[in-house]
Amino acid sequence: MTESEQTIYKAIGILRYSRGSYAAAANSLERHLLENGHAAFEPWLELAWSHLKRRNYANALKYAREAAERVPDHPKVMRIEAAARYALGEKPNGIAILEGQIDRGAEQTFRLAVMKSGTGEDEQAIALARTALEQRDNLWIAWRLIGEIELRRERYDAAATAFFKALAIEPDDDRNRNGVVASLDALGRVMEAEDYRD
């Protein structure tokens, strides 16, 4: 293994498995790739991912494109590109990328549901969240999304049901508990809501 490869894989290891020196490892990898170039796919993918995690969406998109030049249509690259485009205000483009993925897992289906909710497409968001729950029945955050949408639409019974399901799976989440309280209060079930207040 060359010294260049050692530098790259050391940085990738730090990016994947550490907390403290994450930013330094990402910066080191970026500097190394820009100075020396590298034909492999994985370093560019890791660099794109590191920028997405740090909410540097323009660079995440830039490096995702570098990775895509090496391995076109890779699912991880497409997820990074979709999230970055969505965050940069290109919501329809981000959604279109995720919709184009044939083999979406529960998490990707849920992310698409969140994106649809963010553009006001509530019916599609609920349908996607339910699909994610069919793929993974303990994805409590999908129940919470359904509850939040139903609460916003003033469908309080449906909201309460969804929040209760989220709370049953993840009882320590304050937003689940607050959703139950808000739904029950809206239904006039104030005494029942008291049991869930902090």
N, C-alpha and C. Protein backbone atom coordinates (compact mmCIF):
# COMPACT_ATOMS: atom_id res chain seq x y z
N MET A 1 0.85 -1.17 0.00
CA MET A 1 0.00 0.00 0.00
C MET A 1 0.90 1.24 0.00
N THR A 2 0.61 2.16 -0.89
CA THR A 2 1.43 3.37 -0.98
C THR A 2 1.12 4.31 0.18
N GLU A 3 1.97 5.28 0.35
CA GLU A 3 1.76 6.26 1.42
C GLU A 3 0.48 7.05 1.17
N SER A 4 0.19 7.34 -0.09
CA SER A 4 -1.03 8.05 -0.45
C SER A 4 -2.27 7.24 -0.05
N GLU A 5 -2.25 5.95 -0.35
CA GLU A 5 -3.38 5.09 0.01
C GLU A 5 -3.52 4.99 1.52
N GLN A 6 -2.39 4.93 2.24
CA GLN A 6 -2.44 4.87 3.70
C GLN A 6 -3.09 6.12 4.26
N THR A 7 -2.75 7.28 3.73
CA THR A 7 -3.33 8.54 4.20
C THR A 7 -4.84 8.53 3.99
N ILE A 8 -5.24 8.10 2.81
CA ILE A 8 -6.67 8.08 2.49
C ILE A 8 -7.42 7.13 3.41
N TYR A 9 -6.92 5.92 3.57
CA TYR A 9 -7.67 4.94 4.36
C TYR A 9 -7.61 5.23 5.85
N LYS A 10 -6.57 5.87 6.30
CA LYS A 10 -6.52 6.30 7.70
C LYS A 10 -7.61 7.36 7.94
N ALA A 11 -7.71 8.31 7.04
CA ALA A 11 -8.73 9.35 7.17
C ALA A 11 -10.13 8.74 7.10
N ILE A 12 -10.34 7.80 6.20
CA ILE A 12 -11.64 7.15 6.09
C ILE A 12 -11.97 6.40 7.39
N GLY A 13 -10.99 5.72 7.94
CA GLY A 13 -11.21 5.01 9.20
C GLY A 13 -11.63 5.95 10.31
N ILE A 14 -10.97 7.09 10.39
CA ILE A 14 -11.33 8.08 11.41
C ILE A 14 -12.73 8.61 11.16
N LEU A 15 -13.06 8.88 9.89
CA LEU A 15 -14.40 9.39 9.57
C LEU A 15 -15.48 8.40 9.97
N ARG A 16 -15.23 7.15 9.77
CA ARG A 16 -16.25 6.14 10.04
C ARG A 16 -16.38 5.78 11.51
N TYR A 17 -15.28 5.80 12.23
CA TYR A 17 -15.31 5.18 13.56
C TYR A 17 -14.98 6.09 14.73
N SER A 18 -14.74 7.37 14.50
CA SER A 18 -14.38 8.20 15.65
C SER A 18 -15.30 9.39 15.77
N ARG A 19 -15.20 10.04 16.88
CA ARG A 19 -16.01 11.23 17.14
C ARG A 19 -15.12 12.48 17.26
N GLY A 20 -14.05 12.39 17.99
CA GLY A 20 -13.28 13.57 18.35
C GLY A 20 -12.57 14.26 17.20
N SER A 21 -11.96 13.52 16.33
CA SER A 21 -11.15 14.15 15.28
C SER A 21 -11.81 14.05 13.91
N TYR A 22 -13.12 13.98 13.91
CA TYR A 22 -13.87 13.80 12.68
C TYR A 22 -13.60 14.91 11.67
N ALA A 23 -13.74 16.16 12.10
CA ALA A 23 -13.56 17.28 11.18
C ALA A 23 -12.13 17.33 10.64
N ALA A 24 -11.17 17.07 11.51
CA ALA A 24 -9.77 17.08 11.06
C ALA A 24 -9.52 15.98 10.04
N ALA A 25 -10.10 14.80 10.26
CA ALA A 25 -9.94 13.71 9.30
C ALA A 25 -10.59 14.05 7.97
N ALA A 26 -11.76 14.65 8.03
CA ALA A 26 -12.44 15.05 6.79
C ALA A 26 -11.64 16.09 6.03
N ASN A 27 -11.11 17.06 6.75
CA ASN A 27 -10.30 18.09 6.10
C ASN A 27 -9.02 17.51 5.52
N SER A 28 -8.42 16.58 6.24
CA SER A 28 -7.20 15.93 5.74
C SER A 28 -7.48 15.14 4.47
N LEU A 29 -8.57 14.39 4.48
CA LEU A 29 -8.94 13.62 3.29
C LEU A 29 -9.23 14.55 2.12
N GLU A 30 -9.96 15.61 2.37
CA GLU A 30 -10.29 16.56 1.31
C GLU A 30 -9.02 17.18 0.72
N ARG A 31 -8.13 17.63 1.58
CA ARG A 31 -6.88 18.24 1.13
C ARG A 31 -6.08 17.24 0.30
N HIS A 32 -6.00 16.01 0.78
CA HIS A 32 -5.22 14.99 0.09
C HIS A 32 -5.82 14.66 -1.28
N LEU A 33 -7.13 14.52 -1.34
CA LEU A 33 -7.77 14.19 -2.62
C LEU A 33 -7.65 15.33 -3.62
N LEU A 34 -7.78 16.55 -3.14
CA LEU A 34 -7.68 17.69 -4.05
C LEU A 34 -6.26 17.91 -4.55
N GLU A 35 -5.28 17.66 -3.69
CA GLU A 35 -3.89 17.83 -4.09
C GLU A 35 -3.41 16.71 -5.01
N ASN A 36 -3.80 15.49 -4.70
CA ASN A 36 -3.24 14.34 -5.41
C ASN A 36 -4.22 13.68 -6.38
N GLY A 37 -5.49 13.95 -6.22
CA GLY A 37 -6.47 13.25 -7.03
C GLY A 37 -6.49 11.79 -6.64
N HIS A 38 -7.53 11.12 -6.95
CA HIS A 38 -7.59 9.70 -6.63
C HIS A 38 -8.67 9.09 -7.49
N ALA A 39 -8.38 7.97 -8.08
CA ALA A 39 -9.31 7.34 -9.01
C ALA A 39 -10.36 6.48 -8.32
N ALA A 40 -10.14 6.13 -7.06
CA ALA A 40 -11.07 5.22 -6.37
C ALA A 40 -12.36 5.94 -5.99
N PHE A 41 -13.42 5.18 -5.91
CA PHE A 41 -14.76 5.69 -5.59
C PHE A 41 -14.92 6.02 -4.11
N GLU A 42 -14.48 5.11 -3.25
CA GLU A 42 -14.77 5.20 -1.83
C GLU A 42 -14.29 6.48 -1.14
N PRO A 43 -13.09 6.97 -1.40
CA PRO A 43 -12.68 8.22 -0.74
C PRO A 43 -13.59 9.40 -1.07
N TRP A 44 -14.02 9.49 -2.32
CA TRP A 44 -14.91 10.60 -2.71
C TRP A 44 -16.28 10.45 -2.05
N LEU A 45 -16.74 9.23 -1.95
CA LEU A 45 -18.01 8.97 -1.27
C LEU A 45 -17.92 9.39 0.19
N GLU A 46 -16.86 8.98 0.86
CA GLU A 46 -16.69 9.34 2.28
C GLU A 46 -16.58 10.85 2.47
N LEU A 47 -15.90 11.51 1.54
CA LEU A 47 -15.76 12.96 1.63
C LEU A 47 -17.12 13.63 1.45
N ALA A 48 -17.89 13.17 0.49
CA ALA A 48 -19.23 13.73 0.28
C ALA A 48 -20.09 13.52 1.54
N TRP A 49 -20.03 12.31 2.08
CA TRP A 49 -20.81 11.99 3.28
C TRP A 49 -20.40 12.87 4.45
N SER A 50 -19.09 13.10 4.60
CA SER A 50 -18.62 13.92 5.73
C SER A 50 -19.13 15.35 5.61
N HIS A 51 -19.19 15.87 4.40
CA HIS A 51 -19.72 17.23 4.22
C HIS A 51 -21.23 17.28 4.47
N LEU A 52 -21.93 16.24 4.08
CA LEU A 52 -23.37 16.19 4.33
C LEU A 52 -23.63 16.18 5.83
N LYS A 53 -22.87 15.38 6.57
CA LYS A 53 -23.03 15.30 8.02
C LYS A 53 -22.76 16.65 8.69
N ARG A 54 -21.83 17.40 8.11
CA ARG A 54 -21.49 18.71 8.69
C ARG A 54 -22.33 19.84 8.11
N ARG A 55 -23.34 19.46 7.32
CA ARG A 55 -24.29 20.40 6.72
C ARG A 55 -23.64 21.38 5.75
N ASN A 56 -22.59 20.94 5.14
CA ASN A 56 -21.95 21.72 4.08
C ASN A 56 -22.46 21.14 2.77
N TYR A 57 -23.68 21.51 2.42
CA TYR A 57 -24.41 20.84 1.34
C TYR A 57 -23.80 21.07 -0.04
N ALA A 58 -23.26 22.26 -0.27
CA ALA A 58 -22.66 22.52 -1.59
C ALA A 58 -21.47 21.60 -1.84
N ASN A 59 -20.62 21.43 -0.83
CA ASN A 59 -19.48 20.52 -0.99
C ASN A 59 -19.92 19.06 -1.01
N ALA A 60 -20.95 18.73 -0.27
CA ALA A 60 -21.47 17.35 -0.32
C ALA A 60 -21.90 17.02 -1.73
N LEU A 61 -22.59 17.94 -2.37
CA LEU A 61 -23.04 17.74 -3.74
C LEU A 61 -21.85 17.66 -4.70
N LYS A 62 -20.89 18.54 -4.50
CA LYS A 62 -19.69 18.57 -5.36
C LYS A 62 -18.95 17.24 -5.30
N TYR A 63 -18.73 16.71 -4.12
CA TYR A 63 -17.96 15.48 -3.98
C TYR A 63 -18.79 14.24 -4.30
N ALA A 64 -20.11 14.35 -4.16
CA ALA A 64 -20.97 13.25 -4.60
C ALA A 64 -20.86 13.10 -6.12
N ARG A 65 -20.76 14.22 -6.81
CA ARG A 65 -20.58 14.16 -8.27
C ARG A 65 -19.24 13.51 -8.63
N GLU A 66 -18.20 13.81 -7.84
CA GLU A 66 -16.90 13.16 -8.08
C GLU A 66 -17.03 11.65 -7.92
N ALA A 67 -17.74 11.24 -6.88
CA ALA A 67 -17.93 9.80 -6.66
C ALA A 67 -18.77 9.21 -7.79
N ALA A 68 -19.78 9.94 -8.24
CA ALA A 68 -20.65 9.45 -9.30
C ALA A 68 -19.92 9.29 -10.63
N GLU A 69 -18.87 10.08 -10.83
CA GLU A 69 -18.06 9.91 -12.05
C GLU A 69 -17.37 8.56 -12.04
N ARG A 70 -17.08 8.05 -10.86
CA ARG A 70 -16.38 6.77 -10.74
C ARG A 70 -17.34 5.58 -10.72
N VAL A 71 -18.49 5.75 -10.05
CA VAL A 71 -19.51 4.69 -10.00
C VAL A 71 -20.87 5.36 -10.20
N PRO A 72 -21.33 5.43 -11.43
CA PRO A 72 -22.62 6.09 -11.70
C PRO A 72 -23.78 5.36 -11.03
N ASP A 73 -24.77 6.11 -10.59
CA ASP A 73 -26.02 5.59 -10.03
C ASP A 73 -25.84 4.74 -8.78
N HIS A 74 -24.78 4.97 -8.03
CA HIS A 74 -24.61 4.24 -6.77
C HIS A 74 -25.65 4.76 -5.77
N PRO A 75 -26.36 3.87 -5.07
CA PRO A 75 -27.44 4.30 -4.17
C PRO A 75 -26.99 5.29 -3.08
N LYS A 76 -25.82 5.09 -2.51
CA LYS A 76 -25.37 6.01 -1.46
C LYS A 76 -25.08 7.40 -2.02
N VAL A 77 -24.51 7.45 -3.20
CA VAL A 77 -24.23 8.74 -3.84
C VAL A 77 -25.55 9.44 -4.14
N MET A 78 -26.51 8.68 -4.62
CA MET A 78 -27.81 9.27 -4.95
C MET A 78 -28.51 9.82 -3.70
N ARG A 79 -28.37 9.12 -2.56
CA ARG A 79 -28.96 9.61 -1.31
C ARG A 79 -28.30 10.91 -0.87
N ILE A 80 -26.98 10.97 -0.98
CA ILE A 80 -26.27 12.19 -0.61
C ILE A 80 -26.70 13.34 -1.52
N GLU A 81 -26.75 13.07 -2.82
CA GLU A 81 -27.15 14.11 -3.76
C GLU A 81 -28.58 14.57 -3.49
N ALA A 82 -29.48 13.64 -3.23
CA ALA A 82 -30.87 14.00 -2.95
C ALA A 82 -30.97 14.89 -1.72
N ALA A 83 -30.30 14.50 -0.64
CA ALA A 83 -30.36 15.28 0.61
C ALA A 83 -29.73 16.66 0.42
N ALA A 84 -28.60 16.72 -0.28
CA ALA A 84 -27.92 17.99 -0.49
C ALA A 84 -28.78 18.92 -1.36
N ARG A 85 -29.31 18.40 -2.43
CA ARG A 85 -30.15 19.23 -3.30
C ARG A 85 -31.38 19.74 -2.55
N TYR A 86 -32.00 18.88 -1.78
CA TYR A 86 -33.17 19.27 -1.01
C TYR A 86 -32.79 20.39 -0.03
N ALA A 87 -31.69 20.22 0.68
CA ALA A 87 -31.25 21.22 1.66
C ALA A 87 -30.85 22.54 1.01
N LEU A 88 -30.37 22.47 -0.22
CA LEU A 88 -29.97 23.69 -0.94
C LEU A 88 -31.15 24.39 -1.60
N GLY A 89 -32.35 23.90 -1.37
CA GLY A 89 -33.54 24.55 -1.91
C GLY A 89 -34.04 23.95 -3.21
N GLU A 90 -33.37 22.93 -3.69
CA GLU A 90 -33.80 22.26 -4.91
C GLU A 90 -34.69 21.07 -4.53
N LYS A 91 -35.76 21.34 -3.82
CA LYS A 91 -36.60 20.28 -3.27
C LYS A 91 -37.14 19.32 -4.33
N PRO A 92 -37.70 19.82 -5.43
CA PRO A 92 -38.21 18.87 -6.44
C PRO A 92 -37.11 17.95 -6.99
N ASN A 93 -35.91 18.49 -7.17
CA ASN A 93 -34.81 17.67 -7.68
C ASN A 93 -34.39 16.60 -6.67
N GLY A 94 -34.32 16.98 -5.40
CA GLY A 94 -33.97 16.02 -4.36
C GLY A 94 -34.99 14.91 -4.27
N ILE A 95 -36.25 15.28 -4.34
CA ILE A 95 -37.33 14.29 -4.28
C ILE A 95 -37.27 13.37 -5.49
N ALA A 96 -37.05 13.94 -6.66
CA ALA A 96 -37.01 13.14 -7.89
C ALA A 96 -35.90 12.09 -7.83
N ILE A 97 -34.77 12.45 -7.25
CA ILE A 97 -33.66 11.50 -7.15
C ILE A 97 -34.08 10.30 -6.28
N LEU A 98 -34.67 10.58 -5.13
CA LEU A 98 -35.09 9.48 -4.25
C LEU A 98 -36.22 8.67 -4.87
N GLU A 99 -37.13 9.34 -5.55
CA GLU A 99 -38.22 8.60 -6.19
C GLU A 99 -37.69 7.68 -7.28
N GLY A 100 -36.57 8.05 -7.87
CA GLY A 100 -35.99 7.24 -8.94
C GLY A 100 -35.29 5.99 -8.45
N GLN A 101 -35.05 5.89 -7.17
CA GLN A 101 -34.39 4.70 -6.64
C GLN A 101 -35.38 3.55 -6.55
N ILE A 102 -35.04 2.46 -7.16
CA ILE A 102 -35.93 1.31 -7.21
C ILE A 102 -35.96 0.57 -5.87
N ASP A 103 -34.81 0.31 -5.30
CA ASP A 103 -34.71 -0.49 -4.07
C ASP A 103 -34.51 0.41 -2.86
N ARG A 104 -35.54 1.15 -2.50
CA ARG A 104 -35.46 2.00 -1.32
C ARG A 104 -35.74 1.16 -0.09
N GLY A 105 -34.91 1.31 0.91
CA GLY A 105 -35.16 0.67 2.19
C GLY A 105 -36.10 1.53 3.02
N ALA A 106 -36.37 1.10 4.23
CA ALA A 106 -37.29 1.82 5.11
C ALA A 106 -36.81 3.24 5.39
N GLU A 107 -35.51 3.40 5.65
CA GLU A 107 -34.98 4.73 5.98
C GLU A 107 -35.10 5.68 4.79
N GLN A 108 -34.79 5.19 3.59
CA GLN A 108 -34.89 6.03 2.40
C GLN A 108 -36.33 6.39 2.10
N THR A 109 -37.22 5.43 2.28
CA THR A 109 -38.64 5.70 2.07
C THR A 109 -39.11 6.74 3.07
N PHE A 110 -38.64 6.63 4.32
CA PHE A 110 -39.00 7.63 5.34
C PHE A 110 -38.45 9.00 4.96
N ARG A 111 -37.19 9.07 4.51
CA ARG A 111 -36.61 10.37 4.12
C ARG A 111 -37.43 11.01 3.01
N LEU A 112 -37.87 10.20 2.06
CA LEU A 112 -38.71 10.71 0.98
C LEU A 112 -40.03 11.23 1.55
N ALA A 113 -40.58 10.53 2.54
CA ALA A 113 -41.82 10.99 3.18
C ALA A 113 -41.60 12.36 3.83
N VAL A 114 -40.47 12.53 4.50
CA VAL A 114 -40.17 13.82 5.14
C VAL A 114 -40.06 14.92 4.08
N MET A 115 -39.40 14.60 2.97
CA MET A 115 -39.27 15.59 1.90
C MET A 115 -40.64 15.97 1.33
N LYS A 116 -41.48 14.97 1.12
CA LYS A 116 -42.82 15.24 0.60
C LYS A 116 -43.62 16.10 1.58
N SER A 117 -43.49 15.81 2.86
CA SER A 117 -44.17 16.61 3.87
C SER A 117 -43.68 18.05 3.84
N GLY A 118 -42.38 18.22 3.62
CA GLY A 118 -41.79 19.56 3.57
C GLY A 118 -42.25 20.38 2.38
N THR A 119 -42.79 19.72 1.37
CA THR A 119 -43.31 20.45 0.21
C THR A 119 -44.84 20.50 0.20
N GLY A 120 -45.44 20.07 1.31
CA GLY A 120 -46.89 20.15 1.44
C GLY A 120 -47.64 19.00 0.80
N GLU A 121 -46.95 17.97 0.39
CA GLU A 121 -47.61 16.81 -0.23
C GLU A 121 -47.92 15.78 0.85
N ASP A 122 -48.86 16.15 1.72
CA ASP A 122 -49.13 15.37 2.92
C ASP A 122 -49.66 13.97 2.65
N GLU A 123 -50.55 13.83 1.69
CA GLU A 123 -51.10 12.50 1.40
C GLU A 123 -50.00 11.54 0.97
N GLN A 124 -49.12 12.01 0.09
CA GLN A 124 -48.01 11.18 -0.35
C GLN A 124 -47.05 10.90 0.79
N ALA A 125 -46.83 11.90 1.65
CA ALA A 125 -45.94 11.73 2.79
C ALA A 125 -46.46 10.64 3.72
N ILE A 126 -47.75 10.67 3.99
CA ILE A 126 -48.34 9.66 4.88
C ILE A 126 -48.25 8.28 4.24
N ALA A 127 -48.54 8.20 2.95
CA ALA A 127 -48.46 6.91 2.26
C ALA A 127 -47.04 6.36 2.29
N LEU A 128 -46.05 7.22 2.08
CA LEU A 128 -44.65 6.78 2.12
C LEU A 128 -44.24 6.37 3.54
N ALA A 129 -44.70 7.12 4.54
CA ALA A 129 -44.37 6.76 5.93
C ALA A 129 -44.97 5.40 6.26
N ARG A 130 -46.17 5.13 5.78
CA ARG A 130 -46.79 3.82 6.02
C ARG A 130 -46.03 2.71 5.29
N THR A 131 -45.54 3.01 4.10
CA THR A 131 -44.71 2.05 3.37
C THR A 131 -43.43 1.75 4.14
N ALA A 132 -42.82 2.78 4.70
CA ALA A 132 -41.62 2.59 5.50
C ALA A 132 -41.92 1.71 6.71
N LEU A 133 -43.10 1.89 7.30
CA LEU A 133 -43.50 1.06 8.45
C LEU A 133 -43.76 -0.38 8.05
N GLU A 134 -44.23 -0.60 6.83
CA GLU A 134 -44.39 -1.97 6.34
C GLU A 134 -43.02 -2.63 6.17
N GLN A 135 -42.02 -1.82 5.79
CA GLN A 135 -40.67 -2.34 5.61
C GLN A 135 -39.99 -2.59 6.95
N ARG A 136 -40.30 -1.75 7.92
CA ARG A 136 -39.70 -1.89 9.25
C ARG A 136 -40.69 -1.37 10.29
N ASP A 137 -41.35 -2.28 10.96
CA ASP A 137 -42.47 -1.90 11.83
C ASP A 137 -42.08 -1.16 13.10
N ASN A 138 -40.81 -1.13 13.45
CA ASN A 138 -40.39 -0.40 14.65
C ASN A 138 -39.79 0.98 14.33
N LEU A 139 -40.07 1.49 13.15
CA LEU A 139 -39.57 2.81 12.74
C LEU A 139 -40.49 3.88 13.33
N TRP A 140 -40.33 4.11 14.62
CA TRP A 140 -41.22 4.99 15.37
C TRP A 140 -41.29 6.40 14.81
N ILE A 141 -40.21 6.85 14.22
CA ILE A 141 -40.17 8.22 13.71
C ILE A 141 -41.15 8.40 12.55
N ALA A 142 -41.47 7.31 11.85
CA ALA A 142 -42.47 7.37 10.78
C ALA A 142 -43.86 7.59 11.39
N TRP A 143 -44.12 6.93 12.52
CA TRP A 143 -45.39 7.18 13.20
C TRP A 143 -45.47 8.63 13.66
N ARG A 144 -44.36 9.15 14.16
CA ARG A 144 -44.37 10.55 14.61
C ARG A 144 -44.63 11.50 13.45
N LEU A 145 -44.02 11.23 12.30
CA LEU A 145 -44.27 12.07 11.13
C LEU A 145 -45.75 12.06 10.76
N ILE A 146 -46.35 10.88 10.76
CA ILE A 146 -47.78 10.78 10.47
C ILE A 146 -48.58 11.60 11.49
N GLY A 147 -48.21 11.47 12.76
CA GLY A 147 -48.89 12.24 13.80
C GLY A 147 -48.76 13.74 13.59
N GLU A 148 -47.57 14.19 13.25
CA GLU A 148 -47.35 15.63 13.03
C GLU A 148 -48.17 16.15 11.85
N ILE A 149 -48.22 15.36 10.79
CA ILE A 149 -49.01 15.78 9.62
C ILE A 149 -50.50 15.82 9.98
N GLU A 150 -50.98 14.78 10.65
CA GLU A 150 -52.40 14.73 11.01
C GLU A 150 -52.75 15.84 11.99
N LEU A 151 -51.85 16.16 12.90
CA LEU A 151 -52.09 17.26 13.84
C LEU A 151 -52.19 18.58 13.09
N ARG A 152 -51.31 18.79 12.14
CA ARG A 152 -51.31 20.01 11.32
C ARG A 152 -52.62 20.10 10.52
N ARG A 153 -53.12 18.96 10.08
CA ARG A 153 -54.36 18.93 9.29
C ARG A 153 -55.61 18.92 10.17
N GLU A 154 -55.41 18.99 11.49
CA GLU A 154 -56.48 19.02 12.47
C GLU A 154 -57.31 17.74 12.47
N ARG A 155 -56.65 16.65 12.17
CA ARG A 155 -57.28 15.33 12.26
C ARG A 155 -56.75 14.70 13.55
N TYR A 156 -57.32 15.12 14.65
CA TYR A 156 -56.77 14.86 15.97
C TYR A 156 -56.82 13.39 16.40
N ASP A 157 -57.88 12.67 16.02
CA ASP A 157 -57.95 11.24 16.35
C ASP A 157 -56.81 10.49 15.68
N ALA A 158 -56.62 10.76 14.39
CA ALA A 158 -55.54 10.09 13.64
C ALA A 158 -54.18 10.49 14.19
N ALA A 159 -54.05 11.75 14.57
CA ALA A 159 -52.78 12.23 15.14
C ALA A 159 -52.49 11.51 16.46
N ALA A 160 -53.49 11.44 17.33
CA ALA A 160 -53.30 10.78 18.63
C ALA A 160 -52.91 9.32 18.45
N THR A 161 -53.58 8.64 17.53
CA THR A 161 -53.27 7.23 17.27
C THR A 161 -51.82 7.07 16.84
N ALA A 162 -51.38 7.92 15.92
CA ALA A 162 -50.00 7.83 15.42
C ALA A 162 -48.99 8.15 16.52
N PHE A 163 -49.26 9.20 17.29
CA PHE A 163 -48.33 9.56 18.37
C PHE A 163 -48.27 8.47 19.45
N PHE A 164 -49.40 7.85 19.75
CA PHE A 164 -49.40 6.76 20.72
C PHE A 164 -48.55 5.59 20.21
N LYS A 165 -48.64 5.28 18.93
CA LYS A 165 -47.84 4.20 18.36
C LYS A 165 -46.36 4.55 18.42
N ALA A 166 -46.01 5.80 18.12
CA ALA A 166 -44.61 6.23 18.20
C ALA A 166 -44.12 6.13 19.65
N LEU A 167 -44.95 6.57 20.58
CA LEU A 167 -44.58 6.56 22.00
C LEU A 167 -44.43 5.13 22.53
N ALA A 168 -45.22 4.21 22.02
CA ALA A 168 -45.12 2.81 22.45
C ALA A 168 -43.78 2.21 22.04
N ILE A 169 -43.27 2.63 20.90
CA ILE A 169 -41.99 2.10 20.42
C ILE A 169 -40.83 2.85 21.04
N GLU A 170 -40.96 4.16 21.16
CA GLU A 170 -39.87 5.00 21.70
C GLU A 170 -40.44 5.89 22.81
N PRO A 171 -40.55 5.35 24.03
CA PRO A 171 -41.19 6.09 25.12
C PRO A 171 -40.38 7.27 25.67
N ASP A 172 -39.11 7.35 25.34
CA ASP A 172 -38.27 8.42 25.88
C ASP A 172 -38.21 9.66 25.01
N ASP A 173 -38.89 9.66 23.87
CA ASP A 173 -38.81 10.81 22.97
C ASP A 173 -39.83 11.87 23.37
N ASP A 174 -39.34 13.07 23.68
CA ASP A 174 -40.21 14.15 24.13
C ASP A 174 -41.21 14.59 23.06
N ARG A 175 -40.79 14.56 21.79
CA ARG A 175 -41.70 14.99 20.73
C ARG A 175 -42.88 14.01 20.59
N ASN A 176 -42.63 12.73 20.82
CA ASN A 176 -43.74 11.77 20.81
C ASN A 176 -44.72 12.09 21.93
N ARG A 177 -44.18 12.32 23.11
CA ARG A 177 -45.02 12.62 24.28
C ARG A 177 -45.77 13.95 24.06
N ASN A 178 -45.07 14.96 23.57
CA ASN A 178 -45.72 16.25 23.32
C ASN A 178 -46.82 16.14 22.26
N GLY A 179 -46.60 15.27 21.27
CA GLY A 179 -47.61 15.05 20.25
C GLY A 179 -48.86 14.42 20.82
N VAL A 180 -48.67 13.46 21.74
CA VAL A 180 -49.81 12.83 22.41
C VAL A 180 -50.59 13.90 23.18
N VAL A 181 -49.87 14.73 23.93
CA VAL A 181 -50.51 15.77 24.73
C VAL A 181 -51.28 16.75 23.85
N ALA A 182 -50.65 17.22 22.78
CA ALA A 182 -51.30 18.19 21.89
C ALA A 182 -52.55 17.58 21.25
N SER A 183 -52.46 16.34 20.83
CA SER A 183 -53.61 15.68 20.20
C SER A 183 -54.76 15.51 21.19
N LEU A 184 -54.44 15.03 22.39
CA LEU A 184 -55.48 14.82 23.39
C LEU A 184 -56.09 16.15 23.83
N ASP A 185 -55.27 17.18 23.99
CA ASP A 185 -55.80 18.51 24.34
C ASP A 185 -56.77 18.99 23.26
N ALA A 186 -56.40 18.81 22.00
CA ALA A 186 -57.25 19.25 20.89
C ALA A 186 -58.57 18.47 20.86
N LEU A 187 -58.55 17.24 21.32
CA LEU A 187 -59.76 16.42 21.38
C LEU A 187 -60.59 16.70 22.63
N GLY A 188 -60.08 17.56 23.51
CA GLY A 188 -60.80 17.88 24.75
C GLY A 188 -60.60 16.83 25.83
N ARG A 189 -59.64 15.96 25.66
CA ARG A 189 -59.36 14.89 26.64
C ARG A 189 -58.21 15.35 27.55
N VAL A 190 -58.44 16.46 28.22
CA VAL A 190 -57.41 17.13 29.02
C VAL A 190 -56.93 16.27 30.18
N MET A 191 -57.83 15.58 30.85
CA MET A 191 -57.44 14.75 31.99
C MET A 191 -56.51 13.62 31.54
N GLU A 192 -56.82 13.00 30.42
CA GLU A 192 -55.97 11.94 29.88
C GLU A 192 -54.61 12.51 29.48
N ALA A 193 -54.61 13.72 28.93
CA ALA A 193 -53.37 14.37 28.50
C ALA A 193 -52.44 14.63 29.67
N GLU A 194 -53.02 14.89 30.87
CA GLU A 194 -52.22 15.17 32.06
C GLU A 194 -51.24 14.04 32.37
N ASP A 195 -51.63 12.81 32.07
CA ASP A 195 -50.77 11.67 32.33
C ASP A 195 -49.48 11.68 31.51
N TYR A 196 -49.48 12.44 30.44
CA TYR A 196 -48.33 12.46 29.53
C TYR A 196 -47.53 13.76 29.58
N ARG A 197 -47.98 14.69 30.40
CA ARG A 197 -47.22 15.95 30.54
C ARG A 197 -45.98 15.71 31.38
N ASP A 198 -44.96 16.51 31.11
CA ASP A 198 -43.70 16.39 31.90
C ASP A 198 -43.90 16.85 33.32
